[in-house]
Protein backbone atom coordinates (compact mmCIF):
# COMPACT_ATOMS: atom_id res chain seq x y z
CA MET A 1 13.21 13.75 36.97
CA LYS A 2 12.20 15.34 33.47
CA SER A 3 10.69 18.27 34.89
CA LYS A 4 13.43 19.04 37.27
CA LEU A 5 16.03 18.78 34.32
CA THR A 6 13.77 21.46 32.42
CA LYS A 7 13.91 23.64 35.06
CA LEU A 8 17.69 23.55 35.21
CA ALA A 9 17.86 23.93 31.71
CA ILE A 10 15.43 27.03 31.68
CA SER A 11 17.53 28.85 34.64
CA PHE A 12 20.87 28.00 32.61
CA THR A 13 19.61 29.62 29.19
CA THR A 14 17.84 32.30 31.07
CA ILE A 15 21.45 33.60 32.76
CA ILE A 16 22.87 33.39 29.46
CA LEU A 17 20.23 35.10 27.48
CA LEU A 18 19.80 37.71 29.80
CA ASN A 19 23.76 38.48 30.02
CA ILE A 20 23.42 38.91 26.45
CA ILE A 21 20.40 41.19 25.89
CA LEU A 22 21.97 43.63 28.67
CA PHE A 23 25.87 43.43 27.62
CA PRO A 24 25.46 46.95 26.01
CA PHE A 25 24.55 48.44 28.73
CA TYR A 26 27.50 47.35 30.97
CA GLY A 27 29.00 50.24 32.62
CA TYR A 28 25.74 52.03 33.06
CA GLY A 29 25.21 50.35 36.41
CA ILE A 30 24.30 47.37 35.01
CA GLU A 31 27.39 45.31 35.25
CA ASN A 32 26.17 42.47 36.79
CA PRO A 33 22.49 41.70 34.93
CA HIS A 34 22.36 38.19 36.09
CA VAL A 35 22.94 38.55 40.01
CA GLY A 36 19.15 39.56 40.77
CA LEU A 37 18.00 36.30 38.60
CA LEU A 38 19.91 34.38 40.77
CA PHE A 39 17.15 35.30 43.15
CA VAL A 40 14.18 34.76 41.05
CA LEU A 41 15.31 31.38 39.64
CA GLY A 42 15.85 29.75 42.93
CA LEU A 43 12.68 31.28 44.28
CA LEU A 44 10.46 29.97 41.69
CA PHE A 45 12.60 26.73 40.42
CA GLY A 46 14.19 25.87 43.79
CA PRO A 47 17.35 23.82 44.07
CA TYR A 48 17.11 23.22 40.35
CA GLY A 49 16.65 26.54 39.25
CA ALA A 50 19.64 27.58 41.44
CA LEU A 51 21.74 25.15 40.22
CA GLY A 52 21.06 26.05 36.63
CA ALA A 53 21.27 29.52 37.40
CA VAL A 54 24.89 29.13 38.88
CA LEU A 55 25.98 26.80 35.99
CA GLY A 56 25.26 29.83 33.82
CA ASN A 57 26.94 32.34 36.13
CA VAL A 58 29.94 30.05 35.87
CA VAL A 59 30.03 29.72 31.74
CA ILE A 60 29.59 33.58 31.67
CA ASP A 61 32.53 34.05 34.00
CA LEU A 62 34.90 31.64 32.08
CA LEU A 63 33.96 33.60 29.43
CA ASN A 64 34.98 36.79 30.84
CA GLY A 65 38.37 35.54 31.83
CA PHE A 66 38.13 34.40 35.53
CA ALA A 67 39.74 31.51 36.64
CA PRO A 68 38.41 28.45 37.96
CA LEU A 69 39.66 29.25 41.68
CA GLU A 70 38.21 32.38 41.74
CA ILE A 71 35.10 31.36 40.00
CA LEU A 72 34.49 28.33 42.75
CA PRO A 73 33.75 30.21 45.79
CA SER A 74 31.56 32.53 43.84
CA ALA A 75 29.67 29.54 42.78
CA ILE A 76 29.14 28.03 46.22
CA CYS A 77 27.81 31.16 47.54
CA SER A 78 25.56 31.83 44.33
CA PHE A 79 24.17 28.59 44.96
CA GLY A 80 23.66 28.99 48.76
CA VAL A 81 21.68 32.41 48.25
CA SER A 82 19.94 31.11 45.30
CA TYR A 83 18.43 28.33 47.07
CA LEU A 84 17.94 30.54 50.13
CA ALA A 85 15.38 32.47 48.55
CA TYR A 86 13.29 29.20 48.20
CA LYS A 87 13.84 28.30 51.74
CA LEU A 88 12.69 31.21 53.01
CA TRP A 89 9.61 31.62 51.33
CA TYR A 90 8.38 28.34 52.21
CA SER A 91 9.66 28.52 55.87
CA GLY A 92 5.88 30.07 57.12
CA PHE A 93 7.58 32.68 59.51
CA LYS A 94 4.35 33.98 60.51
CA THR A 95 1.95 31.47 59.35
CA ASP A 96 1.16 28.00 58.69
CA LYS A 97 -0.60 28.52 55.35
CA VAL A 98 2.46 28.27 53.29
CA THR A 99 1.53 28.94 49.50
CA LYS A 100 3.40 29.22 46.00
CA PRO A 101 4.99 32.41 45.46
CA ARG A 102 2.15 35.19 44.79
CA LEU A 103 2.06 38.77 45.51
CA ASP A 104 -1.66 38.52 46.58
CA ASN A 105 -1.48 40.04 50.44
CA ILE A 106 0.93 42.50 52.10
CA TYR A 107 2.29 39.44 53.94
CA HIS A 108 3.46 38.10 50.49
CA LEU A 109 4.85 40.90 49.44
CA LEU A 110 6.75 41.79 52.56
CA LEU A 111 8.11 38.44 52.43
CA PHE A 112 8.94 38.77 48.63
CA LEU A 113 10.92 41.72 49.66
CA SER A 114 12.65 40.72 52.80
CA THR A 115 13.61 37.71 51.18
CA LEU A 116 15.18 39.79 48.15
CA LEU A 117 16.85 42.04 50.55
CA ILE A 118 18.12 39.21 52.79
CA CYS A 119 19.67 37.40 49.55
CA GLY A 120 20.74 40.50 48.44
CA LEU A 121 22.89 41.51 51.62
CA ILE A 122 24.46 38.03 51.95
CA TYR A 123 25.35 37.93 48.03
CA SER A 124 26.53 41.52 47.85
CA ALA A 125 28.70 40.98 51.13
CA THR A 126 29.94 37.57 49.72
CA HIS A 127 31.18 38.89 46.42
CA ALA A 128 32.49 42.32 47.52
CA THR A 129 35.01 40.59 49.91
CA LEU A 130 36.05 37.92 46.99
CA ILE A 131 36.28 40.90 44.79
CA GLY A 132 38.96 42.46 47.59
CA ILE A 133 40.53 39.16 48.20
CA PHE A 134 41.28 38.42 44.66
CA PHE A 135 41.55 41.85 42.75
CA ASP A 136 41.61 45.00 44.29
CA PRO A 137 40.46 45.73 48.07
CA HIS A 138 39.87 49.35 47.20
CA LEU A 139 36.81 48.00 45.16
CA ASP A 140 35.25 45.94 47.95
CA GLU A 141 32.74 49.04 48.99
CA TYR A 142 31.89 49.97 45.52
CA GLU A 143 31.00 46.43 44.20
CA PHE A 144 28.84 45.71 47.38
CA VAL A 145 26.85 48.67 46.49
CA SER A 146 26.85 47.74 42.59
CA TYR A 147 26.12 44.30 43.52
CA PHE A 148 23.71 44.78 46.02
CA LEU A 149 21.62 47.54 43.82
CA ASN A 150 21.70 45.34 40.86
CA PHE A 151 20.44 42.13 42.78
CA ILE A 152 17.67 44.22 44.58
CA ASN A 153 16.41 45.85 41.27
CA ILE A 154 16.82 42.97 38.56
CA GLY A 155 15.32 40.71 41.42
CA PHE A 156 12.24 42.76 42.03
CA ILE A 157 11.46 43.80 38.61
CA LEU A 158 11.81 39.99 37.07
CA GLY A 159 10.68 38.48 40.31
CA VAL A 160 7.44 40.04 39.76
CA PHE A 161 7.08 39.67 36.50
CA PHE A 162 7.85 35.96 36.45
CA ILE A 163 5.51 36.01 39.59
CA TRP A 164 2.73 37.05 37.60
CA ILE A 165 3.52 35.18 34.50
CA SER A 166 3.52 31.41 36.90
CA LYS A 167 -0.21 32.49 37.49
CA LYS A 168 -0.98 31.90 33.83
CA ILE A 169 1.60 29.39 33.28
CA ASP A 170 1.87 27.25 36.38
CA PHE A 171 5.79 26.27 36.16
CA ILE A 172 6.74 26.77 40.01
CA GLU A 173 8.46 24.13 41.90
CA THR A 174 6.75 23.52 45.24
CA PRO A 175 8.85 21.37 48.15
CA LYS A 176 7.32 18.23 49.55
CA LYS A 177 6.48 18.26 53.52
CA SER A 178 9.78 16.68 55.24
CA LYS A 179 9.03 13.84 57.35
CA ASN A 180 11.04 15.06 60.09
CA PRO A 181 10.04 18.21 61.65
CA GLY A 182 13.50 19.74 62.55
CA ASN A 183 14.66 22.08 65.16
CA LYS A 184 12.43 25.28 64.59
CA LYS A 185 13.93 27.11 67.37
CA LEU A 186 17.62 26.33 66.25
CA SER A 187 16.99 27.61 62.75
CA GLY A 188 15.76 30.42 63.81
CA ILE A 189 18.87 31.34 65.60
CA ILE A 190 20.88 30.49 62.41
CA ILE A 191 19.42 32.40 60.41
CA ARG A 192 19.24 35.83 63.03
CA LEU A 193 23.10 35.31 63.30
CA LEU A 194 23.31 34.82 59.51
CA LEU A 195 21.93 38.23 59.43
CA ILE A 196 23.93 39.85 62.12
CA VAL A 197 27.11 38.42 60.34
CA THR A 198 26.20 39.57 57.09
CA ILE A 199 25.30 43.01 58.43
CA PHE A 200 28.44 43.22 60.22
CA SER A 201 30.52 42.60 57.29
CA SER A 202 28.37 44.69 55.10
CA ILE A 203 29.54 47.80 57.23
CA MET A 204 33.09 46.45 57.46
CA LEU A 205 33.14 46.52 53.80
CA MET A 206 31.95 50.20 53.90
CA ILE A 207 33.83 52.05 56.45
CA SER A 208 37.23 49.98 56.98
CA TYR A 209 38.74 47.02 55.02
CA ASN A 210 40.25 44.21 57.28
CA GLU A 211 40.77 41.19 55.48
CA ASN A 212 41.10 38.72 57.80
CA ILE A 213 38.09 39.82 59.73
CA LEU A 214 36.35 39.69 56.39
CA ILE A 215 37.44 36.59 55.52
CA ALA A 216 36.34 35.18 58.89
CA ASP A 217 33.04 36.66 58.39
CA LEU A 218 33.05 35.08 54.72
CA LEU A 219 33.50 31.67 56.06
CA LEU A 220 30.96 32.20 58.95
CA MET A 221 28.41 33.45 56.56
CA GLN A 222 28.52 30.27 54.16
CA ILE A 223 28.72 28.13 57.53
CA LEU A 224 25.48 29.72 58.65
CA LEU A 225 23.84 29.79 55.18
CA PHE A 226 24.37 26.12 54.07
CA ALA A 227 23.48 25.46 58.04
CA TYR A 228 20.17 27.11 57.43
CA LEU A 229 19.89 25.41 53.93
CA THR A 230 19.53 21.79 55.62
CA ARG A 231 16.32 22.74 57.49
CA PRO A 232 13.41 20.78 56.66
CA PHE A 233 10.05 21.88 55.09
CA GLU A 234 7.58 22.16 57.84
CA HIS A 235 4.69 23.06 55.98
CA GLU A 236 2.39 21.35 53.47
CA VAL A 237 1.83 24.03 50.46
CA VAL A 238 -1.82 25.21 50.21
CA PRO A 239 -3.54 26.64 47.21
CA ASN A 240 -3.34 30.46 46.95
CA ALA A 241 -6.55 32.55 47.11
CA GLU A 242 -7.81 33.38 44.08
CA ASN A 243 -9.25 37.03 42.65
CA THR A 244 -9.05 38.47 46.30
CA ILE A 245 -9.85 42.48 46.46
CA ILE A 246 -6.37 42.88 47.95
CA GLU A 247 -4.77 40.97 44.97
CA LYS A 248 -6.14 43.41 42.41
CA ILE A 249 -5.00 46.35 44.62
CA LEU A 250 -1.39 44.91 44.75
CA ASN A 251 -1.51 44.46 41.10
CA ASN A 252 -2.01 47.82 40.33
CA PHE A 253 0.11 49.19 43.00
CA LEU A 254 3.12 46.99 41.71
CA ILE A 255 2.41 48.12 38.21
CA ILE A 256 2.87 51.72 39.12
CA THR A 257 5.98 50.70 41.02
CA LEU A 258 7.58 49.13 38.15
CA SER A 259 6.40 52.23 35.99
CA ILE A 260 8.48 54.57 38.35
CA THR A 261 11.38 52.03 38.57
CA ILE A 262 11.51 51.76 34.64
CA LEU A 263 10.87 55.67 34.18
CA GLY A 264 14.32 56.10 36.67
CA VAL A 265 16.16 53.75 34.82
CA ILE A 266 15.38 55.39 31.53
CA VAL A 267 15.94 59.11 33.17
CA SER A 268 19.05 57.98 34.83
CA ILE A 269 21.06 56.26 31.51
CA LEU A 270 19.88 59.67 29.82
CA ASN A 271 21.93 61.45 32.23
CA TYR A 272 24.69 59.02 32.22
CA ASN A 273 26.80 61.38 29.60
CA TYR A 274 26.48 64.49 31.19
CA LEU A 275 27.68 62.94 34.79
CA ALA A 276 30.63 61.48 32.94
CA THR A 277 31.60 65.25 31.91
CA ILE A 278 31.92 66.50 35.33
CA PRO A 279 35.24 66.56 36.49
CA ASP A 280 36.59 64.38 39.54
CA ILE A 281 33.31 63.19 39.69
CA ASN A 282 33.05 60.41 42.51
CA LEU A 283 33.02 56.85 41.11
CA TYR A 284 30.14 55.79 42.76
CA LEU A 285 28.10 58.02 41.22
CA LEU A 286 29.87 57.71 37.68
CA LEU A 287 29.07 53.81 37.92
CA MET A 288 25.27 53.81 39.31
CA PRO A 289 23.37 56.62 38.48
CA THR A 290 20.57 54.45 37.05
CA LEU A 291 20.00 52.32 40.29
CA ILE A 292 20.50 54.80 42.89
CA ILE A 293 18.07 57.62 41.36
CA THR A 294 15.42 54.58 40.70
CA ASP A 295 15.76 53.49 44.47
CA ILE A 296 15.44 56.81 45.90
CA ALA A 297 12.04 57.32 44.23
CA LEU A 298 11.14 53.85 44.89
CA ILE A 299 11.51 54.28 48.45
CA LEU A 300 9.94 57.64 48.59
CA PHE A 301 7.00 55.88 47.29
CA PHE A 302 7.18 52.32 48.17
CA ILE A 303 7.39 52.45 51.98
CA PRO A 304 4.10 55.07 52.84
CA SER A 305 2.30 53.04 49.92
CA ILE A 306 2.81 49.78 51.94
CA ILE A 307 1.87 51.36 55.12
CA ILE A 308 -1.18 52.51 53.85
CA LEU A 309 -1.87 49.40 52.04
CA LYS A 310 -1.46 47.11 55.20
CA TYR A 311 -3.62 49.54 57.08
CA ILE A 312 -6.33 49.06 54.26
CA GLU A 313 -5.89 45.01 54.33
CA ASN A 314 -5.87 45.03 58.07
CA LYS A 315 -9.28 47.49 58.73
CA VAL A 316 -10.94 46.80 55.39
CA ILE A 317 -9.82 43.58 53.61
CA GLN A 318 -9.17 41.46 56.09
CA PRO A 319 -12.62 41.76 57.72
CA ILE A 320 -14.63 41.50 54.14
CA SER A 321 -12.31 38.36 53.75
CA SER A 322 -13.27 36.79 57.51
CA PHE A 323 -16.66 37.46 56.28
CA SER A 324 -16.40 35.78 53.02
CA GLU A 325 -15.60 32.48 55.06
CA ILE A 326 -19.38 31.92 55.75
CA GLU A 327 -19.43 30.27 52.34
CA SER A 328 -17.40 27.03 53.86
CA PHE A 329 -19.56 27.22 57.21
CA ILE A 330 -23.10 26.66 54.96
CA SER A 331 -23.55 22.86 54.37
CA GLY A 332 -26.40 22.85 52.07
CA GLU A 333 -29.76 24.30 51.62
CA ASN A 334 -32.22 24.36 54.36
CA GLU A 335 -29.09 23.33 56.97
CA LYS A 336 -28.35 25.50 60.07
CA ILE A 337 -25.06 27.53 59.71
CA GLU A 338 -22.32 26.32 61.89
CA ALA A 339 -22.71 29.44 64.00
CA GLU A 340 -19.97 29.09 66.88
CA GLY A 341 -17.18 29.28 64.43
CA LEU A 342 -18.30 32.16 62.32
CA LEU A 343 -19.35 34.49 65.64
CA ASN A 344 -15.88 33.71 66.88
CA ILE A 345 -14.51 35.50 63.63
CA TYR A 346 -17.15 38.23 63.90
CA SER A 347 -16.81 38.77 67.22
CA LYS A 348 -13.60 40.92 66.58
CA TYR A 349 -15.62 43.47 64.40
CA VAL A 350 -18.87 43.84 66.15
CA ASN A 351 -17.89 46.53 68.57
CA GLU A 352 -16.13 48.76 66.02
CA LYS A 353 -18.26 52.17 65.04
CA ASN A 354 -17.92 52.03 61.51
CA GLU A 355 -19.31 50.06 58.38
CA ILE A 356 -17.32 47.00 59.30
CA GLY A 357 -18.90 46.72 62.98
CA THR A 358 -22.10 47.40 61.17
CA LEU A 359 -21.58 44.75 58.64
CA ALA A 360 -20.35 42.09 61.26
CA ARG A 361 -23.30 42.97 63.84
CA SER A 362 -25.92 42.57 60.54
CA TYR A 363 -23.66 39.16 59.57
CA THR A 364 -24.27 37.81 63.31
CA HIS A 365 -28.02 39.00 63.62
CA LEU A 366 -28.29 37.58 60.43
CA ILE A 367 -26.90 34.02 61.45
CA ASN A 368 -28.88 33.68 64.42
CA SER A 369 -32.06 34.60 62.47
CA ASN A 370 -31.08 32.07 60.02
CA ASN A 371 -30.69 29.31 62.50
CA ASN A 372 -33.45 30.11 64.32
CA TYR A 373 -35.82 30.11 61.30
CA ILE A 374 -34.14 26.58 60.49
CA GLU A 375 -34.92 25.16 63.73
CA ASN A 376 -38.35 26.23 63.59
CA ILE A 377 -38.70 25.04 59.81
CA ARG A 378 -37.44 21.44 61.24
CA LYS A 379 -40.13 21.87 63.68
CA ILE A 380 -42.84 22.39 61.30
CA GLU A 381 -41.53 19.74 58.94
CA GLY A 382 -41.57 17.44 61.82
CA GLU A 383 -45.17 18.47 62.82
CA GLN A 384 -46.06 18.24 59.25
CA LYS A 385 -44.50 14.77 58.96
CA ARG A 386 -46.71 14.05 61.93
CA ILE A 387 -49.81 15.55 60.68
CA GLU A 388 -49.17 13.58 56.98
CA ALA A 389 -48.71 10.56 58.62
CA GLU A 390 -52.42 11.04 60.59
CA LEU A 391 -53.84 12.13 57.38
CA ASP A 392 -52.45 9.03 55.95
CA ILE A 393 -54.14 6.99 58.66
CA ALA A 394 -57.51 9.14 58.27
CA THR A 395 -57.46 8.66 54.68
CA LYS A 396 -57.29 5.01 55.07
CA ILE A 397 -60.06 5.11 57.50
CA GLN A 398 -62.17 7.23 55.12
CA ALA A 399 -61.66 4.95 52.64
CA SER A 400 -62.33 1.71 54.71
CA ASN A 401 -66.01 3.45 55.78
CA LEU A 402 -67.05 3.60 51.92
CA PRO A 403 -67.95 0.53 49.76
CA THR A 404 -65.17 -1.31 48.41
CA LYS A 405 -67.07 -3.49 46.15
CA ALA A 406 -70.15 -3.19 43.89
CA ILE A 407 -73.35 -5.21 45.22
CA GLU A 408 -74.72 -7.61 42.31
CA THR A 409 -77.84 -9.45 42.21
CA ASP A 410 -80.06 -11.06 39.57
CA GLU A 411 -82.05 -7.96 40.23
CA PHE A 412 -79.71 -4.74 40.15
CA LEU A 413 -75.95 -3.38 40.02
CA VAL A 414 -74.94 -0.81 42.45
CA ASN A 415 -71.27 0.47 42.55
CA GLY A 416 -69.70 3.67 43.30
CA TYR A 417 -66.34 5.86 42.97
CA SER A 418 -65.10 8.72 45.36
CA LYS A 419 -61.67 10.77 45.01
CA PRO A 420 -60.80 13.14 47.76
CA ALA A 421 -59.20 16.55 46.51
CA LYS A 422 -56.67 16.46 49.19
CA GLU A 423 -55.79 13.33 51.43
CA VAL A 424 -59.43 13.35 53.07
CA GLY A 425 -62.31 15.22 51.91
CA GLY A 426 -65.94 15.82 52.90
CA ASP A 427 -67.72 13.84 49.44
CA PHE A 428 -68.83 10.15 50.48
CA PHE A 429 -71.10 7.46 49.27
CA ASP A 430 -72.81 4.42 50.50
CA TYR A 431 -74.99 1.77 49.51
CA TYR A 432 -76.41 -1.28 51.59
CA LEU A 433 -79.05 -3.65 51.96
CA LEU A 434 -81.27 -2.82 54.90
CA ASP A 435 -83.11 -6.20 54.35
CA ASP A 436 -84.13 -8.70 51.92
CA ASP A 437 -86.09 -6.48 49.77
CA HIS A 438 -84.52 -2.84 50.09
CA LEU A 439 -81.53 -1.37 49.48
CA ALA A 440 -80.26 2.38 50.94
CA ILE A 441 -78.45 4.58 48.62
CA VAL A 442 -76.73 7.62 50.03
CA ILE A 443 -74.42 10.36 48.56
CA GLY A 444 -73.32 13.57 50.15
CA ASP A 445 -71.07 16.69 50.03
CA ALA A 446 -69.91 18.14 53.06
CA SER A 447 -69.15 21.86 52.91
CA GLY A 448 -65.02 23.03 52.49
CA LYS A 449 -62.11 20.72 52.54
CA GLY A 450 -59.66 18.40 54.19
CA VAL A 451 -60.37 17.08 58.02
CA PRO A 452 -62.93 19.36 59.03
CA ALA A 453 -65.35 18.30 55.97
CA ALA A 454 -63.99 14.65 56.31
CA LEU A 455 -65.16 14.29 60.03
CA LEU A 456 -68.58 15.81 59.20
CA ALA A 457 -69.20 13.24 56.25
CA MET A 458 -68.39 10.75 58.44
CA VAL A 459 -70.26 11.62 61.59
CA SER A 460 -73.23 11.89 58.98
CA GLN A 461 -72.61 8.63 57.25
CA VAL A 462 -72.83 6.64 60.83
CA LEU A 463 -76.00 8.53 61.93
CA ILE A 464 -77.58 7.63 58.77
CA LYS A 465 -77.29 3.91 59.24
CA GLN A 466 -78.17 3.89 62.67
CA LEU A 467 -81.18 6.28 62.06
CA LEU A 468 -81.89 3.64 59.23
CA LYS A 469 -82.37 0.70 61.64
CA HIS A 470 -85.35 2.60 63.32
CA ASP A 471 -87.22 4.09 60.35
CA GLN A 472 -87.02 3.86 56.70
CA ASP A 473 -88.56 6.84 55.22
CA PRO A 474 -85.53 9.23 53.86
CA SER A 475 -87.50 12.66 54.90
CA LYS A 476 -87.48 11.69 58.52
CA ILE A 477 -84.08 10.21 58.29
CA LEU A 478 -82.97 13.80 56.96
CA TYR A 479 -85.33 15.31 59.36
CA LEU A 480 -83.62 13.63 62.38
CA LEU A 481 -79.97 14.12 61.04
CA ASN A 482 -80.36 18.01 60.56
CA ASN A 483 -81.48 18.38 64.10
CA GLN A 484 -78.68 16.52 65.33
CA ILE A 485 -76.14 18.05 63.27
CA CYS A 486 -77.57 21.78 63.97
CA GLU A 487 -77.56 21.14 67.65
CA ASN A 488 -73.66 21.06 68.15
CA ASN A 489 -72.66 23.04 65.23
CA SER A 490 -70.81 26.01 66.19
CA GLU A 491 -68.53 26.28 63.10
CA THR A 492 -71.91 26.25 61.01
CA MET A 493 -70.76 23.48 58.90
CA PHE A 494 -73.27 21.74 56.31
CA LEU A 495 -73.66 19.13 53.82
CA THR A 496 -75.96 18.43 50.94
CA LEU A 497 -77.12 15.05 50.94
CA TRP A 498 -79.49 12.75 49.06
CA LEU A 499 -80.72 9.86 50.33
CA GLY A 500 -82.87 7.21 48.69
CA ILE A 501 -84.05 3.53 49.31
CA TYR A 502 -85.21 1.13 46.51
CA ASN A 503 -87.70 -1.69 46.74
CA ILE A 504 -86.40 -4.44 44.86
CA SER A 505 -89.57 -6.06 44.49
CA THR A 506 -91.63 -3.16 43.42
CA LYS A 507 -88.85 -1.02 41.38
CA GLU A 508 -90.05 1.86 43.54
CA LEU A 509 -87.27 4.31 44.38
CA VAL A 510 -88.30 6.64 47.64
CA PHE A 511 -86.30 9.21 48.05
CA SER A 512 -85.56 12.99 49.83
CA ASN A 513 -82.94 15.68 48.84
CA ALA A 514 -81.21 18.03 51.28
CA GLY A 515 -79.67 20.77 48.79
CA HIS A 516 -77.77 17.96 46.54
CA ASN A 517 -77.66 18.03 42.68
CA PRO A 518 -80.57 16.34 41.47
CA PRO A 519 -79.78 12.19 40.16
CA LEU A 520 -79.69 11.42 36.60
CA ILE A 521 -82.21 8.82 35.49
CA LYS A 522 -82.36 6.65 32.19
CA GLU A 523 -85.61 6.19 30.77
CA ASN A 524 -86.56 5.00 27.10
CA GLY A 525 -82.78 5.08 26.48
CA ASN A 526 -81.90 8.60 27.48
CA PHE A 527 -80.46 10.09 30.67
CA LYS A 528 -82.16 13.14 31.63
CA PHE A 529 -81.88 14.93 35.30
CA LEU A 530 -84.73 14.06 37.69
CA ASP A 531 -87.15 16.78 38.70
CA ILE A 532 -87.09 16.60 42.93
CA ASP A 533 -87.39 19.02 45.54
CA THR A 534 -84.20 21.01 46.54
CA GLY A 535 -84.62 21.18 50.00
CA ILE A 536 -82.00 22.94 52.27
CA VAL A 537 -78.82 21.52 53.23
CA ILE A 538 -77.84 19.58 56.45
CA GLY A 539 -76.76 21.78 59.19
CA ILE A 540 -78.29 25.27 58.66
CA MET A 541 -81.74 25.21 60.39
CA ASP A 542 -83.25 22.79 62.65
CA ASN A 543 -86.77 21.45 62.44
CA PHE A 544 -87.05 21.26 58.59
CA ASP A 545 -89.50 18.99 57.10
CA TYR A 546 -87.77 17.35 53.96
CA VAL A 547 -89.71 16.35 51.11
CA ARG A 548 -90.74 12.82 50.54
CA GLU A 549 -90.57 11.62 46.88
CA SER A 550 -90.71 8.71 44.71
CA ILE A 551 -90.45 7.24 41.04
CA THR A 552 -90.44 3.59 39.67
CA LEU A 553 -87.07 2.91 38.62
CA THR A 554 -86.87 0.96 35.18
CA ASP A 555 -83.15 1.29 34.26
CA GLU A 556 -80.26 3.34 35.70
CA LEU A 557 -79.71 5.97 38.09
CA ILE A 558 -76.25 8.07 39.10
CA VAL A 559 -76.14 10.67 41.71
CA TYR A 560 -72.92 12.44 41.68
CA THR A 561 -71.27 15.72 43.77
CA ASP A 562 -70.72 18.99 42.39
CA GLY A 563 -66.68 18.01 41.89
CA ILE A 564 -67.88 16.10 38.65
CA THR A 565 -69.53 18.89 37.19
CA ASP A 566 -67.10 21.57 38.63
CA ALA A 567 -64.52 20.08 37.23
CA ASN A 568 -62.25 22.94 35.36
CA ASN A 569 -59.45 22.73 32.19
CA ASN A 570 -56.65 24.98 31.84
CA ASP A 571 -59.03 27.69 30.18
CA ASP A 572 -61.10 27.87 33.37
CA GLU A 573 -64.20 26.06 31.74
CA MET A 574 -65.98 23.58 33.48
CA TYR A 575 -67.12 20.14 32.32
CA GLY A 576 -70.59 20.96 33.81
CA GLU A 577 -74.03 19.19 33.66
CA ASP A 578 -74.23 19.62 29.64
CA GLY A 579 -70.91 17.63 29.83
CA ILE A 580 -71.90 14.58 32.13
CA LEU A 581 -75.50 14.23 30.33
CA ASN A 582 -74.14 14.25 26.81
CA PHE A 583 -71.48 11.63 28.01
CA LEU A 584 -73.79 9.53 29.26
CA ASN A 585 -76.41 9.98 26.61
CA GLY A 586 -73.34 9.18 24.11
CA PHE A 587 -72.01 5.97 26.08
CA GLU A 588 -73.48 3.10 24.15
CA SER A 589 -72.57 0.16 25.92
CA ASP A 590 -74.05 -2.05 28.73
CA ASP A 591 -70.91 -1.85 30.87
CA ASP A 592 -70.34 0.31 33.88
CA PRO A 593 -69.98 3.82 32.78
CA ILE A 594 -68.12 5.17 35.84
CA ASP A 595 -64.76 4.50 34.91
CA PRO A 596 -65.40 5.77 31.01
CA LEU A 597 -67.12 8.75 32.71
CA LEU A 598 -64.01 9.26 34.61
CA ASN A 599 -61.69 9.05 31.81
CA ASP A 600 -63.92 11.71 29.52
CA ILE A 601 -63.56 14.23 32.79
CA HIS A 602 -59.80 13.63 32.99
CA SER A 603 -59.42 14.21 28.83
CA PHE A 604 -61.36 17.41 29.35
CA THR A 605 -59.51 18.74 32.59
CA GLY A 606 -55.79 17.80 31.43
CA ASP A 607 -53.38 18.52 33.82
CA ALA A 608 -55.46 21.00 35.35
CA GLU A 609 -55.42 21.00 39.31
CA GLN A 610 -58.95 19.82 40.74
CA PHE A 611 -60.14 21.78 44.31
CA ASP A 612 -63.21 19.80 44.87
CA ASP A 613 -63.99 15.91 45.71
CA MET A 614 -65.55 13.84 42.93
CA THR A 615 -67.78 11.45 43.89
CA LEU A 616 -70.38 9.27 41.64
CA LEU A 617 -72.81 6.36 42.70
CA HIS A 618 -74.50 4.11 39.96
CA LEU A 619 -77.56 1.86 40.25
CA LYS A 620 -78.42 -0.24 37.22
CA ILE A 621 -81.96 -2.11 37.43
CA LYS A 622 -81.71 -5.42 35.11
């Protein structure tokens, strides 16, 4: 309620102040400066603005010496016209998208002008009739023109300024949607009848004064006016579009229009004294040169400009605005664009043989391409999830195929570690007792990464186990394994392999090598690389005879894959054979060195990504 009273007080004060400011210009065609404010204050503040403006108008009329009986019908008409501006704006004649007063598109500009003209005609016809009834019937036609021109010009200038200001300071009163929808058809009939009666009354005032007809017209106008004012508000007020192209164009256009208006006022005022010296000059020209000259200039500029702007809006701005609606159809990243609604929008322009048509066709193609791309991405993601699930299973299978626990007896301790660079890898290790006196130790590194390498590693691991059941000579096992792999190796895959069999009783280690890194053995308290035959990798050439070698193992043995020595840091430096040798020789604990060695490698590599599998196997003789 406080806000409504504030709007009423602002309207009242504005009417009083404008009359005080413009009082010195009375007689220059600005006899009634407050009449245009009735439109502006009603449009922006609604019924509270209309009431405040009328109260201010009543005060001015009382100060000018008018009798209460003369003021009352004027006040009633003034309130109706002022409130009508508010009703017409929010009626939604050609749209259901009703917004606050803004001059941000051609529709709103035309609505503003038509509302101004309708209110101006009703106010002017009513008050000219009242002048004829209460004062002098010979003044009615001149007063009609004077009221109308003042209403239109002051209403236009101040309306534009106040609407611009309201964008910065939101003081506009907006109606709430009525629960009663009302009779829209009846309201349309009433407003049309009101216009017909008003135009008829205006013509009568200009060509022939007939008091009885004019009084009847006056009463009918007021009945129709207040009947229309009872129409409920049928629309929710929605937010205005912000920073649109057409709004910026219209702002520049209105600045030019207002400049022409102000220039016309100045020129007309400067010519007033000249016109007054002409003998027998027509009273119409004498009283209103300011507004007549200004309005002629405006009409000559305004109407063609509006036509051009309407064409630009329809042919350029509206299509661009339609294209910008794509934002509301995009639901999120990696989501399909809701194509049906957008394609309906763009279909209106795709056949045009200009830049708009090209843009519409490009957008349509882009939407379809995007949706196809998203659809393909979803299929790929689904396939990827399936592959990930299968890889997860493969990882578990591969991990379960490796030893999970160390073997520890009174004579020895054997343990191992393997970490694939991807979900699955080509490295593997294995250790198991062949009988009570023999321990098999194997480590291998299949070429490549991922699933192919893992398959070759697992096949090789299984074949070695099977072959060891029939023969315990490492060189023969490698010979048979190599021939098996070479037999069906269309992809020319290979693996390095070291196989050793440790005799627990004699401490003899018999081994054979197929292109693998030499193991490290500890003798006399220090680790060193074992000098062994290199051999060739498994899977390259069949019928290759691998060398059988043996040593007496008295302390420790470590075998590893090249993922250990090739581990790199962010400076592309490799851990290397020196790194592993230096660590082991500096490790003075009797504990298992696998975890400390891995920690040292991790400290060396930091957060650098590793591209090779890492595998270690450690055998310690007690």
